[in-house]
């Protein structure tokens, strides 16, 4: 990690803390020595960042350094809060952590009256998810991001397990389950897979030969055609 990136990371860590954090904790986060933390703190101070505290007592950022004010109306604040609250229920540790991080960043840039509105918002989401391997959820999301093939052992509705190599391109979050849409090499067609029925999964390092946005467009048109035929029958 370059020193400039490290300083930005340190600044973000300080921004996310409501209370002073010790140099020992910062060094563990950044994987550097405590002495290096002290030097980096002084470097940030030299650049005009207002950091209070000292060795042994902990450090705390006392102002929103280099952050522009964010303009959100009351309804937008409620919408953001509700979306982040919903994310806390999703069985994906990385997304849960991200929801907390985004909320912290918003609190850092919103005006005080909007911060109070967000903290006092009483909108809540209630979600129930079928039991699913959280590691698989995260791997599927990353496979879609990087457009790589995955190999899955899938349990179908007849309780039969088959091994498939698929090209994942979209993950849908429904009321109680997550549905993966992918191109299936075995069937040579689009297929939808419930994540709670994936028994095992392996992420390959092979990039599939289509853009995920194009796959999604073709798949979605077929889904719309299916719905139209069902309504007309």
Foldseek 3Di string as FASTA:
>chain_A
DDLVVLLVVLVLVQLLDPDFDALVVSCVVSVHDSVVSVVSVVVVVVVPFDWDDDHPGGIHGDALPPAEADDDDLVRLLVLLAVLQVQCPDLAVVSVVVSSSVLSVNCRRYPPVSNVSNVPDPDYDDAAADDADNVLVNVLVVCQVQQFWKWFFFQDPVRDTDIWIWGWHDWDDDRYWIKTWTQTPVVRGIDIGTRRGTPDMDTDPHHDDDNSVVVVVVVVVVVVVVVVVVVVD
